[in-house]
N, C-alpha and C. Protein backbone atom coordinates (compact mmCIF):
# COMPACT_ATOMS: atom_id res chain seq x y z
N MET A 1 -63.47 -0.81 -39.15
CA MET A 1 -62.17 -1.42 -39.35
C MET A 1 -61.11 -0.32 -39.31
N ASP A 2 -60.02 -0.63 -38.73
CA ASP A 2 -58.89 0.30 -38.69
C ASP A 2 -58.10 0.15 -39.98
N LEU A 3 -58.41 1.00 -40.94
CA LEU A 3 -57.81 0.90 -42.28
C LEU A 3 -56.30 0.94 -42.24
N TRP A 4 -55.76 1.89 -41.50
CA TRP A 4 -54.31 2.10 -41.50
C TRP A 4 -53.53 0.91 -40.98
N ASN A 5 -54.16 0.07 -40.16
CA ASN A 5 -53.45 -1.06 -39.56
C ASN A 5 -53.94 -2.40 -40.08
N THR A 6 -54.52 -2.42 -41.28
CA THR A 6 -54.99 -3.66 -41.87
C THR A 6 -54.26 -3.90 -43.18
N ASP A 7 -53.34 -4.86 -43.14
CA ASP A 7 -52.54 -5.18 -44.31
C ASP A 7 -52.97 -6.46 -45.02
N THR A 8 -54.13 -6.98 -44.68
CA THR A 8 -54.67 -8.13 -45.34
C THR A 8 -55.32 -7.67 -46.67
N PRO A 9 -55.05 -8.34 -47.77
CA PRO A 9 -55.68 -7.93 -49.01
C PRO A 9 -57.21 -7.91 -48.89
N ILE A 10 -57.82 -6.92 -49.51
CA ILE A 10 -59.26 -6.75 -49.43
C ILE A 10 -60.00 -8.02 -49.86
N ASN A 11 -59.51 -8.66 -50.92
CA ASN A 11 -60.14 -9.87 -51.43
C ASN A 11 -60.09 -11.04 -50.44
N GLU A 12 -59.25 -10.95 -49.41
CA GLU A 12 -59.11 -12.04 -48.46
C GLU A 12 -59.83 -11.78 -47.14
N ILE A 13 -60.50 -10.65 -47.00
CA ILE A 13 -61.18 -10.32 -45.76
C ILE A 13 -62.58 -10.91 -45.82
N THR A 14 -62.84 -11.90 -44.98
CA THR A 14 -64.11 -12.59 -44.96
C THR A 14 -65.23 -11.63 -44.57
N GLY A 15 -66.27 -11.64 -45.39
CA GLY A 15 -67.44 -10.82 -45.12
C GLY A 15 -67.40 -9.45 -45.77
N LEU A 16 -66.26 -9.04 -46.25
CA LEU A 16 -66.14 -7.73 -46.91
C LEU A 16 -66.35 -7.97 -48.40
N ASP A 17 -67.50 -7.54 -48.89
CA ASP A 17 -67.89 -7.81 -50.27
C ASP A 17 -67.61 -6.62 -51.16
N ILE A 18 -66.33 -6.44 -51.46
CA ILE A 18 -65.90 -5.33 -52.34
C ILE A 18 -65.20 -5.93 -53.55
N ASP A 19 -65.65 -5.51 -54.71
CA ASP A 19 -65.04 -5.97 -55.96
C ASP A 19 -63.80 -5.11 -56.25
N VAL A 20 -62.65 -5.77 -56.36
CA VAL A 20 -61.42 -5.10 -56.76
C VAL A 20 -61.30 -5.29 -58.27
N PRO A 21 -61.41 -4.22 -59.06
CA PRO A 21 -61.34 -4.35 -60.50
C PRO A 21 -60.03 -5.00 -60.96
N GLY A 22 -60.06 -5.65 -62.09
CA GLY A 22 -58.88 -6.33 -62.61
C GLY A 22 -57.70 -5.42 -62.90
N TRP A 23 -57.96 -4.15 -63.06
CA TRP A 23 -56.87 -3.20 -63.36
C TRP A 23 -56.23 -2.62 -62.10
N ILE A 24 -56.63 -3.16 -60.95
CA ILE A 24 -55.98 -2.79 -59.67
C ILE A 24 -55.33 -4.06 -59.15
N ASP A 25 -54.11 -3.92 -58.59
CA ASP A 25 -53.45 -5.08 -58.00
C ASP A 25 -54.40 -5.78 -57.02
N GLN A 26 -54.54 -7.09 -57.17
CA GLN A 26 -55.50 -7.83 -56.36
C GLN A 26 -55.07 -7.95 -54.90
N ASP A 27 -53.84 -7.59 -54.59
CA ASP A 27 -53.40 -7.66 -53.20
C ASP A 27 -53.51 -6.29 -52.50
N ILE A 28 -54.31 -5.37 -53.07
CA ILE A 28 -54.50 -4.08 -52.43
C ILE A 28 -55.17 -4.25 -51.07
N THR A 29 -54.71 -3.48 -50.09
CA THR A 29 -55.19 -3.60 -48.71
C THR A 29 -55.97 -2.38 -48.27
N PRO A 30 -56.70 -2.48 -47.16
CA PRO A 30 -57.34 -1.30 -46.60
C PRO A 30 -56.35 -0.17 -46.30
N ALA A 31 -55.15 -0.51 -45.87
CA ALA A 31 -54.12 0.51 -45.60
C ALA A 31 -53.76 1.22 -46.90
N ASP A 32 -53.69 0.48 -48.00
CA ASP A 32 -53.42 1.10 -49.31
C ASP A 32 -54.52 2.09 -49.67
N VAL A 33 -55.78 1.66 -49.47
CA VAL A 33 -56.93 2.50 -49.78
C VAL A 33 -56.88 3.80 -48.97
N ALA A 34 -56.60 3.67 -47.68
CA ALA A 34 -56.51 4.85 -46.82
C ALA A 34 -55.43 5.81 -47.32
N ALA A 35 -54.28 5.26 -47.71
CA ALA A 35 -53.17 6.10 -48.19
C ALA A 35 -53.51 6.75 -49.52
N ILE A 36 -54.18 6.04 -50.41
CA ILE A 36 -54.58 6.61 -51.70
C ILE A 36 -55.55 7.75 -51.49
N VAL A 37 -56.54 7.55 -50.62
CA VAL A 37 -57.53 8.60 -50.35
C VAL A 37 -56.86 9.80 -49.71
N GLN A 38 -55.90 9.58 -48.83
CA GLN A 38 -55.24 10.69 -48.14
C GLN A 38 -54.32 11.49 -49.08
N GLY A 39 -53.53 10.81 -49.91
CA GLY A 39 -52.52 11.54 -50.66
C GLY A 39 -52.54 11.35 -52.17
N GLY A 40 -53.44 10.49 -52.67
CA GLY A 40 -53.46 10.19 -54.09
C GLY A 40 -52.35 9.22 -54.48
N CYS A 41 -52.46 8.69 -55.66
CA CYS A 41 -51.48 7.72 -56.14
C CYS A 41 -50.08 8.32 -56.25
N ALA A 42 -50.01 9.58 -56.67
CA ALA A 42 -48.71 10.22 -56.89
C ALA A 42 -47.92 10.42 -55.61
N SER A 43 -48.57 10.30 -54.46
CA SER A 43 -47.86 10.43 -53.18
C SER A 43 -47.01 9.20 -52.89
N GLY A 44 -47.14 8.20 -53.75
CA GLY A 44 -46.43 6.93 -53.52
C GLY A 44 -47.34 5.90 -52.90
N ALA A 45 -48.60 6.25 -52.72
CA ALA A 45 -49.54 5.32 -52.10
C ALA A 45 -49.88 4.13 -52.99
N TYR A 46 -49.79 4.32 -54.29
CA TYR A 46 -50.08 3.23 -55.22
C TYR A 46 -49.17 3.38 -56.43
N MET A 47 -47.99 2.82 -56.31
CA MET A 47 -46.94 2.99 -57.30
C MET A 47 -47.26 2.40 -58.69
N PRO A 48 -48.05 1.32 -58.81
CA PRO A 48 -48.34 0.83 -60.16
C PRO A 48 -49.04 1.86 -61.06
N ALA A 49 -49.67 2.85 -60.46
CA ALA A 49 -50.36 3.86 -61.27
C ALA A 49 -49.44 4.99 -61.69
N VAL A 50 -48.31 5.13 -61.05
CA VAL A 50 -47.43 6.26 -61.37
C VAL A 50 -46.05 5.82 -61.90
N THR A 51 -45.88 4.52 -62.07
CA THR A 51 -44.67 3.98 -62.66
C THR A 51 -44.99 3.72 -64.13
N TYR A 52 -44.27 4.40 -65.02
CA TYR A 52 -44.61 4.35 -66.44
C TYR A 52 -44.87 2.94 -66.96
N TYR A 53 -43.91 2.03 -66.74
CA TYR A 53 -44.06 0.73 -67.37
C TYR A 53 -45.26 -0.04 -66.80
N LYS A 54 -45.57 0.15 -65.51
CA LYS A 54 -46.72 -0.55 -64.91
C LYS A 54 -48.04 0.07 -65.40
N ALA A 55 -48.07 1.38 -65.50
CA ALA A 55 -49.30 2.03 -65.99
C ALA A 55 -49.52 1.67 -67.46
N LEU A 56 -48.45 1.60 -68.23
CA LEU A 56 -48.58 1.18 -69.63
C LEU A 56 -49.07 -0.26 -69.73
N GLU A 57 -48.56 -1.15 -68.89
CA GLU A 57 -49.02 -2.54 -68.87
C GLU A 57 -50.52 -2.60 -68.54
N THR A 58 -50.93 -1.81 -67.57
CA THR A 58 -52.34 -1.79 -67.17
C THR A 58 -53.20 -1.31 -68.32
N MET A 59 -52.79 -0.22 -68.96
CA MET A 59 -53.60 0.31 -70.06
C MET A 59 -53.59 -0.63 -71.26
N ASN A 60 -52.48 -1.30 -71.52
CA ASN A 60 -52.45 -2.26 -72.63
C ASN A 60 -53.39 -3.43 -72.35
N ALA A 61 -53.46 -3.88 -71.11
CA ALA A 61 -54.29 -5.03 -70.78
C ALA A 61 -55.75 -4.66 -70.52
N ASP A 62 -56.00 -3.52 -69.84
CA ASP A 62 -57.33 -3.18 -69.39
C ASP A 62 -57.74 -1.75 -69.68
N GLY A 63 -57.11 -1.13 -70.66
CA GLY A 63 -57.35 0.28 -70.92
C GLY A 63 -58.79 0.64 -71.20
N ASP A 64 -59.48 -0.21 -71.96
CA ASP A 64 -60.90 0.09 -72.24
C ASP A 64 -61.72 0.13 -70.96
N ASP A 65 -61.45 -0.82 -70.06
CA ASP A 65 -62.18 -0.86 -68.78
C ASP A 65 -61.84 0.33 -67.91
N VAL A 66 -60.59 0.73 -67.90
CA VAL A 66 -60.16 1.90 -67.10
C VAL A 66 -60.85 3.14 -67.61
N LEU A 67 -60.82 3.35 -68.93
CA LEU A 67 -61.44 4.56 -69.51
C LEU A 67 -62.95 4.55 -69.31
N GLU A 68 -63.57 3.40 -69.45
CA GLU A 68 -65.02 3.30 -69.25
C GLU A 68 -65.38 3.61 -67.80
N TYR A 69 -64.58 3.11 -66.87
CA TYR A 69 -64.84 3.37 -65.45
C TYR A 69 -64.77 4.85 -65.14
N ILE A 70 -63.76 5.53 -65.67
CA ILE A 70 -63.62 6.96 -65.45
C ILE A 70 -64.81 7.70 -66.06
N GLU A 71 -65.14 7.37 -67.30
CA GLU A 71 -66.25 8.06 -67.96
C GLU A 71 -67.58 7.83 -67.24
N LEU A 72 -67.81 6.61 -66.76
CA LEU A 72 -69.07 6.33 -66.06
C LEU A 72 -69.18 7.08 -64.74
N THR A 73 -68.07 7.27 -64.07
CA THR A 73 -68.12 7.95 -62.76
C THR A 73 -67.98 9.46 -62.87
N LEU A 74 -67.12 9.94 -63.74
CA LEU A 74 -66.90 11.39 -63.86
C LEU A 74 -67.68 12.05 -65.00
N GLY A 75 -68.09 11.23 -65.98
CA GLY A 75 -68.79 11.77 -67.12
C GLY A 75 -67.86 12.24 -68.23
N GLU A 76 -66.56 12.24 -67.97
CA GLU A 76 -65.57 12.65 -68.97
C GLU A 76 -64.19 12.14 -68.55
N LEU A 77 -63.29 12.17 -69.51
CA LEU A 77 -61.92 11.76 -69.24
C LEU A 77 -61.07 12.96 -68.87
N PRO A 78 -60.02 12.76 -68.08
CA PRO A 78 -59.11 13.87 -67.77
C PRO A 78 -58.46 14.37 -69.06
N ILE A 79 -58.15 15.64 -69.11
CA ILE A 79 -57.49 16.22 -70.26
C ILE A 79 -56.00 15.84 -70.22
N VAL A 80 -55.53 15.24 -71.30
CA VAL A 80 -54.15 14.77 -71.34
C VAL A 80 -53.40 15.32 -72.55
N THR A 81 -53.89 16.40 -73.11
CA THR A 81 -53.28 17.02 -74.28
C THR A 81 -51.81 17.38 -73.99
N GLY A 82 -50.95 17.04 -74.91
CA GLY A 82 -49.56 17.40 -74.79
C GLY A 82 -48.71 16.45 -73.94
N ARG A 83 -49.30 15.37 -73.52
CA ARG A 83 -48.55 14.40 -72.71
C ARG A 83 -48.15 13.21 -73.55
N SER A 84 -47.09 12.53 -73.14
CA SER A 84 -46.68 11.30 -73.81
C SER A 84 -47.67 10.20 -73.47
N TRP A 85 -47.60 9.09 -74.23
CA TRP A 85 -48.51 7.98 -73.95
C TRP A 85 -48.28 7.45 -72.52
N ALA A 86 -47.04 7.38 -72.08
CA ALA A 86 -46.76 6.90 -70.73
C ALA A 86 -47.36 7.85 -69.68
N GLN A 87 -47.25 9.15 -69.90
CA GLN A 87 -47.85 10.11 -68.97
C GLN A 87 -49.38 10.00 -68.99
N MET A 88 -49.94 9.79 -70.18
CA MET A 88 -51.40 9.60 -70.29
C MET A 88 -51.82 8.36 -69.53
N ALA A 89 -51.06 7.29 -69.68
CA ALA A 89 -51.39 6.05 -68.99
C ALA A 89 -51.39 6.23 -67.48
N CYS A 90 -50.38 6.94 -66.97
CA CYS A 90 -50.33 7.23 -65.53
C CYS A 90 -51.52 8.07 -65.08
N THR A 91 -51.89 9.05 -65.87
CA THR A 91 -53.03 9.89 -65.52
C THR A 91 -54.31 9.08 -65.47
N TYR A 92 -54.54 8.26 -66.48
CA TYR A 92 -55.76 7.47 -66.53
C TYR A 92 -55.82 6.44 -65.41
N VAL A 93 -54.74 5.71 -65.22
CA VAL A 93 -54.75 4.66 -64.16
C VAL A 93 -54.87 5.32 -62.78
N SER A 94 -54.11 6.38 -62.54
CA SER A 94 -54.20 7.08 -61.25
C SER A 94 -55.61 7.59 -60.97
N THR A 95 -56.21 8.20 -61.99
CA THR A 95 -57.56 8.74 -61.82
C THR A 95 -58.54 7.62 -61.47
N ALA A 96 -58.47 6.51 -62.22
CA ALA A 96 -59.41 5.39 -61.95
C ALA A 96 -59.19 4.79 -60.57
N VAL A 97 -57.95 4.59 -60.18
CA VAL A 97 -57.65 4.02 -58.88
C VAL A 97 -58.11 4.95 -57.75
N GLU A 98 -57.87 6.24 -57.90
CA GLU A 98 -58.30 7.20 -56.88
C GLU A 98 -59.81 7.25 -56.76
N ILE A 99 -60.52 7.19 -57.89
CA ILE A 99 -62.00 7.16 -57.85
C ILE A 99 -62.46 5.91 -57.12
N TRP A 100 -61.90 4.75 -57.49
CA TRP A 100 -62.30 3.50 -56.87
C TRP A 100 -62.03 3.54 -55.37
N ALA A 101 -60.83 3.96 -54.98
CA ALA A 101 -60.46 3.99 -53.55
C ALA A 101 -61.39 4.90 -52.75
N SER A 102 -61.69 6.05 -53.29
CA SER A 102 -62.59 6.96 -52.57
C SER A 102 -63.99 6.40 -52.48
N GLY A 103 -64.37 5.60 -53.46
CA GLY A 103 -65.70 4.99 -53.43
C GLY A 103 -65.85 3.85 -52.43
N VAL A 104 -64.77 3.15 -52.13
CA VAL A 104 -64.85 2.00 -51.21
C VAL A 104 -64.35 2.34 -49.80
N HIS A 105 -63.69 3.46 -49.65
CA HIS A 105 -63.07 3.85 -48.37
C HIS A 105 -64.04 3.77 -47.21
N ASP A 106 -65.19 4.44 -47.31
CA ASP A 106 -66.15 4.47 -46.20
C ASP A 106 -66.72 3.10 -45.89
N GLU A 107 -66.97 2.30 -46.93
CA GLU A 107 -67.50 0.95 -46.72
C GLU A 107 -66.50 0.09 -45.96
N ILE A 108 -65.24 0.18 -46.32
CA ILE A 108 -64.21 -0.58 -45.62
C ILE A 108 -64.07 -0.10 -44.18
N GLU A 109 -64.07 1.21 -44.00
CA GLU A 109 -63.92 1.79 -42.66
C GLU A 109 -65.07 1.36 -41.75
N ALA A 110 -66.28 1.27 -42.28
CA ALA A 110 -67.45 0.92 -41.49
C ALA A 110 -67.55 -0.58 -41.24
N PHE A 111 -66.81 -1.39 -41.99
CA PHE A 111 -66.88 -2.84 -41.86
C PHE A 111 -66.31 -3.30 -40.53
N GLU A 112 -67.06 -4.14 -39.85
CA GLU A 112 -66.60 -4.74 -38.60
C GLU A 112 -66.53 -6.25 -38.79
N PRO A 113 -65.34 -6.80 -38.85
CA PRO A 113 -65.24 -8.27 -38.99
C PRO A 113 -65.83 -8.97 -37.79
N GLU A 114 -66.44 -10.11 -38.06
CA GLU A 114 -67.01 -10.87 -36.96
C GLU A 114 -65.89 -11.40 -36.07
N GLU A 115 -66.16 -11.31 -34.78
CA GLU A 115 -65.16 -11.82 -33.82
C GLU A 115 -65.12 -13.35 -33.91
N ALA A 116 -63.95 -13.90 -33.72
CA ALA A 116 -63.85 -15.37 -33.72
C ALA A 116 -64.63 -15.91 -32.53
N GLU A 117 -65.37 -16.98 -32.79
CA GLU A 117 -66.19 -17.55 -31.71
C GLU A 117 -65.31 -18.20 -30.67
N ALA A 118 -65.65 -17.97 -29.40
CA ALA A 118 -64.90 -18.60 -28.29
C ALA A 118 -65.23 -20.08 -28.26
N VAL A 119 -64.20 -20.87 -27.99
CA VAL A 119 -64.40 -22.31 -27.94
C VAL A 119 -64.72 -22.77 -26.57
């Protein structure tokens, strides 16, 4: 699949069986995943992770899941000593989103949607 030119949300691509966690916007696209993997969330590729109020909303709603996901994949949490709660929220959400995106990138890229049958 051409990630950079696919703006259909991952959840709407028939045959692509990828779970988008609840703490990631459900309309995330393959193009978003490619941009996150290339430049990280802070590059502007995924603004909900680097916008204070959105990251705080995410952590308030799904913070336990975000932290558990990071710990299960990395074995530890990023060091956030000396940061405000909003900065911590951005760090945690960005880290989790970047881990998830890098984990699904190759699967999405290798996915070939079935061609529509000729009538």
